[in-house]
């Protein structure tokens, strides 16, 4: 059972990394450091959006409109970290 918990923690770590990469890339695009007209940047951005939209979509429907401020990534980051804490704290119960 410990292997299952370790695999779940690995998946959460990968999701965490992808979300951080998406957030940093969105900042770089908004501050015009990266340009979406470059094919590689556009492909990476599209891929990250396709990966994370199923996670962000339900959160965006629940959150009220904030006038251009998207808090869905922050809520998703907190949720992933909370799941990680829950798994770590309950791991000894599966021995």
C-alpha atoms as a PDB file:
ATOM      1  CA  UNK A   1       0.000   0.000   0.000  1.00  0.00           C
ATOM      2  CA  UNK A   2       2.962   2.266   0.561  1.00  0.00           C
ATOM      3  CA  UNK A   3       3.732   2.054  -3.154  1.00  0.00           C
ATOM      4  CA  UNK A   4       0.289   3.403  -4.013  1.00  0.00           C
ATOM      5  CA  UNK A   5       0.793   6.381  -1.707  1.00  0.00           C
ATOM      6  CA  UNK A   6       4.207   7.063  -3.210  1.00  0.00           C
ATOM      7  CA  UNK A   7       2.763   6.932  -6.729  1.00  0.00           C
ATOM      8  CA  UNK A   8      -0.032   9.328  -5.742  1.00  0.00           C
ATOM      9  CA  UNK A   9       2.515  11.690  -4.194  1.00  0.00           C
ATOM     10  CA  UNK A  10       4.579  11.524  -7.389  1.00  0.00           C
ATOM     11  CA  UNK A  11       1.510  12.382  -9.477  1.00  0.00           C
ATOM     12  CA  UNK A  12       0.708  15.313  -7.188  1.00  0.00           C
ATOM     13  CA  UNK A  13       4.307  16.538  -7.475  1.00  0.00           C
ATOM     14  CA  UNK A  14       4.141  16.396 -11.281  1.00  0.00           C
ATOM     15  CA  UNK A  15       0.823  18.270 -11.280  1.00  0.00           C
ATOM     16  CA  UNK A  16       2.353  20.851  -8.901  1.00  0.00           C
ATOM     17  CA  UNK A  17       5.327  21.341 -11.255  1.00  0.00           C
ATOM     18  CA  UNK A  18       3.106  21.696 -14.333  1.00  0.00           C
ATOM     19  CA  UNK A  19       0.919  24.248 -12.544  1.00  0.00           C
ATOM     20  CA  UNK A  20       3.937  26.289 -11.431  1.00  0.00           C
ATOM     21  CA  UNK A  21       5.295  26.225 -15.010  1.00  0.00           C
ATOM     22  CA  UNK A  22       1.899  27.394 -16.308  1.00  0.00           C
ATOM     23  CA  UNK A  23       1.707  30.235 -13.778  1.00  0.00           C
ATOM     24  CA  UNK A  24       5.245  31.446 -14.512  1.00  0.00           C
ATOM     25  CA  UNK A  25       4.658  31.221 -18.247  1.00  0.00           C
ATOM     26  CA  UNK A  26       1.427  33.232 -17.942  1.00  0.00           C
ATOM     27  CA  UNK A  27       3.335  35.961 -16.104  1.00  0.00           C
ATOM     28  CA  UNK A  28       6.035  35.993 -18.771  1.00  0.00           C
ATOM     29  CA  UNK A  29       3.413  36.244 -21.507  1.00  0.00           C
ATOM     30  CA  UNK A  30       1.528  39.030 -19.720  1.00  0.00           C
ATOM     31  CA  UNK A  31       4.730  41.028 -19.170  1.00  0.00           C
ATOM     32  CA  UNK A  32       5.617  40.461 -22.849  1.00  0.00           C
ATOM     33  CA  UNK A  33       8.800  38.558 -22.138  1.00  0.00           C
ATOM     34  CA  UNK A  34       7.433  35.634 -24.155  1.00  0.00           C
ATOM     35  CA  UNK A  35       5.567  36.079 -27.411  1.00  0.00           C
ATOM     36  CA  UNK A  36       2.737  33.724 -28.385  1.00  0.00           C
ATOM     37  CA  UNK A  37       3.545  34.314 -32.065  1.00  0.00           C
ATOM     38  CA  UNK A  38       6.601  32.105 -31.658  1.00  0.00           C
ATOM     39  CA  UNK A  39       5.570  28.562 -32.583  1.00  0.00           C
ATOM     40  CA  UNK A  40       7.353  26.794 -29.733  1.00  0.00           C
ATOM     41  CA  UNK A  41       5.970  29.154 -27.097  1.00  0.00           C
ATOM     42  CA  UNK A  42       2.475  28.843 -28.562  1.00  0.00           C
ATOM     43  CA  UNK A  43       2.662  25.029 -28.575  1.00  0.00           C
ATOM     44  CA  UNK A  44       3.884  24.859 -24.979  1.00  0.00           C
ATOM     45  CA  UNK A  45       1.222  27.345 -23.863  1.00  0.00           C
ATOM     46  CA  UNK A  46      -1.528  25.442 -25.684  1.00  0.00           C
ATOM     47  CA  UNK A  47      -0.353  22.140 -24.219  1.00  0.00           C
ATOM     48  CA  UNK A  48      -0.284  23.507 -20.679  1.00  0.00           C
ATOM     49  CA  UNK A  49      -3.739  25.020 -21.131  1.00  0.00           C
ATOM     50  CA  UNK A  50      -5.122  21.724 -22.430  1.00  0.00           C
ATOM     51  CA  UNK A  51      -3.600  19.833 -19.502  1.00  0.00           C
ATOM     52  CA  UNK A  52      -4.803  22.198 -16.806  1.00  0.00           C
ATOM     53  CA  UNK A  53      -8.192  23.342 -18.098  1.00  0.00           C
ATOM     54  CA  UNK A  54     -10.003  20.238 -16.726  1.00  0.00           C
ATOM     55  CA  UNK A  55      -8.572  21.167 -13.334  1.00  0.00           C
ATOM     56  CA  UNK A  56      -9.195  24.924 -13.553  1.00  0.00           C
ATOM     57  CA  UNK A  57     -12.617  24.804 -15.250  1.00  0.00           C
ATOM     58  CA  UNK A  58     -14.703  23.585 -12.307  1.00  0.00           C
ATOM     59  CA  UNK A  59     -12.884  25.973  -9.978  1.00  0.00           C
ATOM     60  CA  UNK A  60     -13.585  28.915 -12.302  1.00  0.00           C
ATOM     61  CA  UNK A  61     -17.298  28.035 -12.337  1.00  0.00           C
ATOM     62  CA  UNK A  62     -17.411  28.118  -8.526  1.00  0.00           C
ATOM     63  CA  UNK A  63     -15.349  31.274  -7.963  1.00  0.00           C
ATOM     64  CA  UNK A  64     -17.078  34.618  -8.455  1.00  0.00           C
ATOM     65  CA  UNK A  65     -15.812  36.937 -11.220  1.00  0.00           C
ATOM     66  CA  UNK A  66     -12.877  38.988  -9.965  1.00  0.00           C
ATOM     67  CA  UNK A  67     -12.589  41.507 -12.789  1.00  0.00           C
ATOM     68  CA  UNK A  68      -9.838  39.916 -14.856  1.00  0.00           C
ATOM     69  CA  UNK A  69      -8.040  38.281 -11.926  1.00  0.00           C
ATOM     70  CA  UNK A  70      -7.971  34.493 -12.240  1.00  0.00           C
ATOM     71  CA  UNK A  71      -7.681  32.833  -8.849  1.00  0.00           C
ATOM     72  CA  UNK A  72      -8.279  29.302 -10.144  1.00  0.00           C
ATOM     73  CA  UNK A  73      -4.543  28.437 -10.290  1.00  0.00           C
ATOM     74  CA  UNK A  74      -4.074  29.579  -6.694  1.00  0.00           C
ATOM     75  CA  UNK A  75      -7.033  27.524  -5.487  1.00  0.00           C
ATOM     76  CA  UNK A  76      -5.811  24.512  -7.466  1.00  0.00           C
ATOM     77  CA  UNK A  77      -2.285  24.853  -6.027  1.00  0.00           C
ATOM     78  CA  UNK A  78      -3.691  24.972  -2.509  1.00  0.00           C
ATOM     79  CA  UNK A  79      -5.896  21.945  -3.235  1.00  0.00           C
ATOM     80  CA  UNK A  80      -2.956  19.910  -4.602  1.00  0.00           C
ATOM     81  CA  UNK A  81      -0.829  20.828  -1.594  1.00  0.00           C
ATOM     82  CA  UNK A  82      -3.695  19.982   0.774  1.00  0.00           C
ATOM     83  CA  UNK A  83      -4.088  16.564  -0.875  1.00  0.00           C
ATOM     84  CA  UNK A  84      -0.368  16.004  -0.464  1.00  0.00           C
ATOM     85  CA  UNK A  85      -0.569  16.870   3.242  1.00  0.00           C
ATOM     86  CA  UNK A  86      -3.554  14.557   3.712  1.00  0.00           C
ATOM     87  CA  UNK A  87      -1.719  11.679   2.023  1.00  0.00           C
ATOM     88  CA  UNK A  88       1.461  12.255   4.033  1.00  0.00           C
ATOM     89  CA  UNK A  89      -0.375  12.457   7.358  1.00  0.00           C
ATOM     90  CA  UNK A  90      -2.443   9.339   6.689  1.00  0.00           C
ATOM     91  CA  UNK A  91       0.346   7.216   5.183  1.00  0.00           C
ATOM     92  CA  UNK A  92       1.111   5.393   8.462  1.00  0.00           C
ATOM     93  CA  UNK A  93      -2.500   4.146   8.582  1.00  0.00           C
ATOM     94  CA  UNK A  94      -1.826   1.982   5.495  1.00  0.00           C
ATOM     95  CA  UNK A  95       1.108   0.012   6.915  1.00  0.00           C
END
